[in-house]
Amino acid sequence: MPVTSSAHLYNARQADQQRAAPGGARQRPGRTLEAADRGAWSVTATFPPQPRNVGRARQLTCTALAAWGAADLVDSAQLVVSELVTNAVRYGRGAISITLALTDAALQISVADFGRELPQAREAGEEDSSGRGLAIVTMLCEEWSVTTRLTGKTVSCWLDLS
């Protein structure tokens, strides 16, 4: 689900000339917004709980952050999004919603599903192929929390901008 701007139209040649930013994001033409000028930005997408949608959630993250002038957050944000959406696909139920909200202080990443099972950090062994997701989220984010609802849960975390 791309985040677009109708303020400017660019042809393919101009798009190819844009330099790549961290995480493969394309920098948008024009000035980069300072944190104080950004205000608050948000985007929400909902999709079926299918593994291929983890990549789509990462792409949404990359596109939104590039559009908001925060491409420096792409690598960390995509990793956190991958972990949270993968957990929702594996252990949640029903449709998955992701919300990204950027303020002058932090990027809030929230992933909601209809499952009742709460996420639990666990210690993965050296040979284990999974079990490190919440440890990664804990390392990268200022904090994370789970909000339970009558119809499921939302896992939220905050990437500090400093």
C-alpha atoms as a PDB file:
ATOM      1  CA  MET A   1       0.000   0.000   0.000  1.00  0.00           C
ATOM      2  CA  PRO A   2       2.064   2.956  -1.249  1.00  0.00           C
ATOM      3  CA  VAL A   3       2.088   6.350   0.369  1.00  0.00           C
ATOM      4  CA  THR A   4       1.901   8.905  -2.414  1.00  0.00           C
ATOM      5  CA  SER A   5       2.005  12.627  -2.862  1.00  0.00           C
ATOM      6  CA  SER A   6       0.040  14.389  -5.568  1.00  0.00           C
ATOM      7  CA  ALA A   7       1.999  17.626  -5.149  1.00  0.00           C
ATOM      8  CA  HIS A   8       4.604  16.646  -7.751  1.00  0.00           C
ATOM      9  CA  LEU A   9       4.631  14.376 -10.750  1.00  0.00           C
ATOM     10  CA  TYR A  10       7.898  12.752 -11.777  1.00  0.00           C
ATOM     11  CA  ASN A  11       8.776  10.802 -14.853  1.00  0.00           C
ATOM     12  CA  ALA A  12      10.672   7.496 -14.768  1.00  0.00           C
ATOM     13  CA  ARG A  13      13.980   9.139 -15.686  1.00  0.00           C
ATOM     14  CA  GLN A  14      13.768  11.516 -12.729  1.00  0.00           C
ATOM     15  CA  ALA A  15      12.857   8.638 -10.416  1.00  0.00           C
ATOM     16  CA  ASP A  16      15.943   6.700 -11.553  1.00  0.00           C
ATOM     17  CA  GLN A  17      18.141   9.690 -10.782  1.00  0.00           C
ATOM     18  CA  GLN A  18      17.043   9.860  -7.147  1.00  0.00           C
ATOM     19  CA  ARG A  19      19.708   8.562  -4.838  1.00  0.00           C
ATOM     20  CA  ALA A  20      19.004   5.551  -2.686  1.00  0.00           C
ATOM     21  CA  ALA A  21      18.702   6.114   1.065  1.00  0.00           C
ATOM     22  CA  PRO A  22      19.317   3.592   3.881  1.00  0.00           C
ATOM     23  CA  GLY A  23      17.277   0.413   3.576  1.00  0.00           C
ATOM     24  CA  GLY A  24      16.673   0.925  -0.141  1.00  0.00           C
ATOM     25  CA  ALA A  25      14.259   3.822   0.407  1.00  0.00           C
ATOM     26  CA  ARG A  26      14.210   6.441  -2.293  1.00  0.00           C
ATOM     27  CA  GLN A  27      14.746   9.979  -1.118  1.00  0.00           C
ATOM     28  CA  ARG A  28      11.954  12.237  -2.170  1.00  0.00           C
ATOM     29  CA  PRO A  29      12.809  15.428  -4.050  1.00  0.00           C
ATOM     30  CA  GLY A  30      12.627  18.622  -2.041  1.00  0.00           C
ATOM     31  CA  ARG A  31      13.804  19.452   1.419  1.00  0.00           C
ATOM     32  CA  THR A  32      14.122  17.034   4.307  1.00  0.00           C
ATOM     33  CA  LEU A  33      11.810  18.026   7.114  1.00  0.00           C
ATOM     34  CA  GLU A  34      13.385  18.830  10.442  1.00  0.00           C
ATOM     35  CA  ALA A  35      11.815  16.979  13.389  1.00  0.00           C
ATOM     36  CA  ALA A  36      10.112  20.166  14.597  1.00  0.00           C
ATOM     37  CA  ASP A  37       8.520  20.699  11.161  1.00  0.00           C
ATOM     38  CA  ARG A  38       7.239  17.158  10.716  1.00  0.00           C
ATOM     39  CA  GLY A  39       4.230  17.392  13.002  1.00  0.00           C
ATOM     40  CA  ALA A  40       2.677  13.962  13.336  1.00  0.00           C
ATOM     41  CA  TRP A  41       2.316  11.524  10.448  1.00  0.00           C
ATOM     42  CA  SER A  42       0.561   8.172  10.444  1.00  0.00           C
ATOM     43  CA  VAL A  43      -0.378   5.366   8.115  1.00  0.00           C
ATOM     44  CA  THR A  44      -2.431   2.223   8.734  1.00  0.00           C
ATOM     45  CA  ALA A  45      -2.846  -0.887   6.622  1.00  0.00           C
ATOM     46  CA  THR A  46      -4.796  -4.093   7.205  1.00  0.00           C
ATOM     47  CA  PHE A  47      -4.134  -7.368   5.429  1.00  0.00           C
ATOM     48  CA  PRO A  48      -4.735 -11.126   5.677  1.00  0.00           C
ATOM     49  CA  PRO A  49      -2.403 -13.162   7.935  1.00  0.00           C
ATOM     50  CA  GLN A  50      -0.249 -14.557   5.147  1.00  0.00           C
ATOM     51  CA  PRO A  51       3.567 -14.784   5.284  1.00  0.00           C
ATOM     52  CA  ARG A  52       3.982 -12.775   2.062  1.00  0.00           C
ATOM     53  CA  ASN A  53       2.409  -9.790   3.819  1.00  0.00           C
ATOM     54  CA  VAL A  54       5.429  -9.469   6.113  1.00  0.00           C
ATOM     55  CA  GLY A  55       7.327  -8.163   3.081  1.00  0.00           C
ATOM     56  CA  ARG A  56       4.458  -5.859   2.205  1.00  0.00           C
ATOM     57  CA  ALA A  57       4.501  -4.434   5.734  1.00  0.00           C
ATOM     58  CA  ARG A  58       8.253  -3.800   5.387  1.00  0.00           C
ATOM     59  CA  GLN A  59       7.662  -2.047   2.057  1.00  0.00           C
ATOM     60  CA  LEU A  60       4.918   0.109   3.583  1.00  0.00           C
ATOM     61  CA  THR A  61       7.362   1.076   6.335  1.00  0.00           C
ATOM     62  CA  CYS A  62      10.095   1.979   3.850  1.00  0.00           C
ATOM     63  CA  THR A  63       7.754   4.003   1.650  1.00  0.00           C
ATOM     64  CA  ALA A  64       6.131   5.892   4.533  1.00  0.00           C
ATOM     65  CA  LEU A  65       9.406   6.803   6.228  1.00  0.00           C
ATOM     66  CA  ALA A  66      10.931   7.978   2.946  1.00  0.00           C
ATOM     67  CA  ALA A  67       7.849  10.123   2.261  1.00  0.00           C
ATOM     68  CA  TRP A  68       8.039  11.599   5.758  1.00  0.00           C
ATOM     69  CA  GLY A  69      11.717  12.511   5.458  1.00  0.00           C
ATOM     70  CA  ALA A  70      12.779   9.907   8.027  1.00  0.00           C
ATOM     71  CA  ALA A  71      14.637   7.422   5.825  1.00  0.00           C
ATOM     72  CA  ASP A  72      17.334   7.121   8.503  1.00  0.00           C
ATOM     73  CA  LEU A  73      14.861   5.016  10.543  1.00  0.00           C
ATOM     74  CA  VAL A  74      14.149   2.523   7.754  1.00  0.00           C
ATOM     75  CA  ASP A  75      16.572  -0.255   8.721  1.00  0.00           C
ATOM     76  CA  SER A  76      15.557  -0.436  12.388  1.00  0.00           C
ATOM     77  CA  ALA A  77      11.869   0.095  11.668  1.00  0.00           C
ATOM     78  CA  GLN A  78      11.744  -2.613   8.982  1.00  0.00           C
ATOM     79  CA  LEU A  79      13.406  -5.101  11.328  1.00  0.00           C
ATOM     80  CA  VAL A  80      10.918  -4.351  14.114  1.00  0.00           C
ATOM     81  CA  VAL A  81       7.971  -4.504  11.689  1.00  0.00           C
ATOM     82  CA  SER A  82       9.210  -7.854  10.351  1.00  0.00           C
ATOM     83  CA  GLU A  83       9.370  -9.342  13.835  1.00  0.00           C
ATOM     84  CA  LEU A  84       5.986  -8.044  15.014  1.00  0.00           C
ATOM     85  CA  VAL A  85       4.106  -8.922  11.835  1.00  0.00           C
ATOM     86  CA  THR A  86       5.725 -12.379  11.699  1.00  0.00           C
ATOM     87  CA  ASN A  87       4.568 -13.000  15.277  1.00  0.00           C
ATOM     88  CA  ALA A  88       1.040 -11.877  14.349  1.00  0.00           C
ATOM     89  CA  VAL A  89       1.007 -14.215  11.325  1.00  0.00           C
ATOM     90  CA  ARG A  90       2.313 -17.186  13.354  1.00  0.00           C
ATOM     91  CA  TYR A  91       0.532 -16.780  16.668  1.00  0.00           C
ATOM     92  CA  GLY A  92      -2.338 -14.368  16.052  1.00  0.00           C
ATOM     93  CA  ARG A  93      -5.718 -14.843  14.435  1.00  0.00           C
ATOM     94  CA  GLY A  94      -7.585 -13.015  11.722  1.00  0.00           C
ATOM     95  CA  ALA A  95      -6.634  -9.877   9.840  1.00  0.00           C
ATOM     96  CA  ILE A  96      -3.493  -8.014  10.865  1.00  0.00           C
ATOM     97  CA  SER A  97      -3.318  -4.229  11.096  1.00  0.00           C
ATOM     98  CA  ILE A  98      -0.131  -2.208  11.201  1.00  0.00           C
ATOM     99  CA  THR A  99       0.007   1.443  12.184  1.00  0.00           C
ATOM    100  CA  LEU A 100       3.074   3.640  11.901  1.00  0.00           C
ATOM    101  CA  ALA A 101       2.943   7.027  13.635  1.00  0.00           C
ATOM    102  CA  LEU A 102       5.854   9.454  13.462  1.00  0.00           C
ATOM    103  CA  THR A 103       6.096  12.395  15.865  1.00  0.00           C
ATOM    104  CA  ASP A 104       8.960  14.699  16.714  1.00  0.00           C
ATOM    105  CA  ALA A 105      10.037  12.268  19.477  1.00  0.00           C
ATOM    106  CA  ALA A 106       9.539   8.718  18.210  1.00  0.00           C
ATOM    107  CA  LEU A 107       8.202   6.333  15.609  1.00  0.00           C
ATOM    108  CA  GLN A 108       5.404   4.253  17.094  1.00  0.00           C
ATOM    109  CA  ILE A 109       4.883   0.878  15.442  1.00  0.00           C
ATOM    110  CA  SER A 110       1.684  -0.973  16.362  1.00  0.00           C
ATOM    111  CA  VAL A 111       0.592  -4.381  15.090  1.00  0.00           C
ATOM    112  CA  ALA A 112      -2.874  -5.698  15.945  1.00  0.00           C
ATOM    113  CA  ASP A 113      -4.524  -9.073  15.425  1.00  0.00           C
ATOM    114  CA  PHE A 114      -7.537 -10.954  16.771  1.00  0.00           C
ATOM    115  CA  GLY A 115      -5.613 -13.595  18.702  1.00  0.00           C
ATOM    116  CA  ARG A 116      -5.747 -13.844  22.478  1.00  0.00           C
ATOM    117  CA  GLU A 117      -2.290 -15.362  22.966  1.00  0.00           C
ATOM    118  CA  LEU A 118       0.084 -12.763  24.399  1.00  0.00           C
ATOM    119  CA  PRO A 119       3.625 -12.454  23.086  1.00  0.00           C
ATOM    120  CA  GLN A 120       6.320 -13.884  25.327  1.00  0.00           C
ATOM    121  CA  ALA A 121      10.021 -13.211  25.070  1.00  0.00           C
ATOM    122  CA  ARG A 122      11.976 -16.435  25.142  1.00  0.00           C
ATOM    123  CA  GLU A 123      15.591 -17.479  25.129  1.00  0.00           C
ATOM    124  CA  ALA A 124      16.541 -18.987  21.783  1.00  0.00           C
ATOM    125  CA  GLY A 125      19.351 -21.499  21.605  1.00  0.00           C
ATOM    126  CA  GLU A 126      22.214 -21.142  19.150  1.00  0.00           C
ATOM    127  CA  GLU A 127      20.704 -23.763  16.840  1.00  0.00           C
ATOM    128  CA  ASP A 128      17.137 -22.413  17.001  1.00  0.00           C
ATOM    129  CA  SER A 129      15.861 -20.794  13.807  1.00  0.00           C
ATOM    130  CA  SER A 130      13.319 -18.626  15.653  1.00  0.00           C
ATOM    131  CA  GLY A 131      12.597 -17.187  19.072  1.00  0.00           C
ATOM    132  CA  ARG A 132      14.609 -13.977  18.881  1.00  0.00           C
ATOM    133  CA  GLY A 133      11.932 -11.539  17.684  1.00  0.00           C
ATOM    134  CA  LEU A 134      10.982  -9.866  20.937  1.00  0.00           C
ATOM    135  CA  ALA A 135      14.624  -9.748  22.028  1.00  0.00           C
ATOM    136  CA  ILE A 136      15.373  -7.788  18.841  1.00  0.00           C
ATOM    137  CA  VAL A 137      12.411  -5.479  19.483  1.00  0.00           C
ATOM    138  CA  THR A 138      13.622  -4.918  23.056  1.00  0.00           C
ATOM    139  CA  MET A 139      17.142  -4.033  21.852  1.00  0.00           C
ATOM    140  CA  LEU A 140      15.994  -1.576  19.177  1.00  0.00           C
ATOM    141  CA  CYS A 141      13.048   0.111  20.854  1.00  0.00           C
ATOM    142  CA  GLU A 142      12.800   2.474  23.781  1.00  0.00           C
ATOM    143  CA  GLU A 143       9.922   0.361  25.097  1.00  0.00           C
ATOM    144  CA  TRP A 144       7.204  -2.006  23.943  1.00  0.00           C
ATOM    145  CA  SER A 145       3.823  -2.979  25.340  1.00  0.00           C
ATOM    146  CA  VAL A 146       0.778  -5.144  24.707  1.00  0.00           C
ATOM    147  CA  THR A 147      -2.762  -3.835  24.900  1.00  0.00           C
ATOM    148  CA  THR A 148      -5.452  -6.488  25.170  1.00  0.00           C
ATOM    149  CA  ARG A 149      -8.844  -5.839  23.666  1.00  0.00           C
ATOM    150  CA  LEU A 150     -12.086  -7.741  23.780  1.00  0.00           C
ATOM    151  CA  THR A 151     -11.344  -8.951  20.246  1.00  0.00           C
ATOM    152  CA  GLY A 152      -7.573  -9.427  20.337  1.00  0.00           C
ATOM    153  CA  LYS A 153      -4.406  -7.512  21.104  1.00  0.00           C
ATOM    154  CA  THR A 154      -2.125  -4.763  19.872  1.00  0.00           C
ATOM    155  CA  VAL A 155       1.642  -4.875  20.296  1.00  0.00           C
ATOM    156  CA  SER A 156       3.181  -1.396  20.210  1.00  0.00           C
ATOM    157  CA  CYS A 157       6.756  -0.199  20.402  1.00  0.00           C
ATOM    158  CA  TRP A 158       8.584   3.098  20.100  1.00  0.00           C
ATOM    159  CA  LEU A 159      11.778   3.795  18.164  1.00  0.00           C
ATOM    160  CA  ASP A 160      13.423   6.865  19.662  1.00  0.00           C
ATOM    161  CA  LEU A 161      14.462   9.469  17.088  1.00  0.00           C
ATOM    162  CA  SER A 162      17.584  10.581  18.973  1.00  0.00           C
END
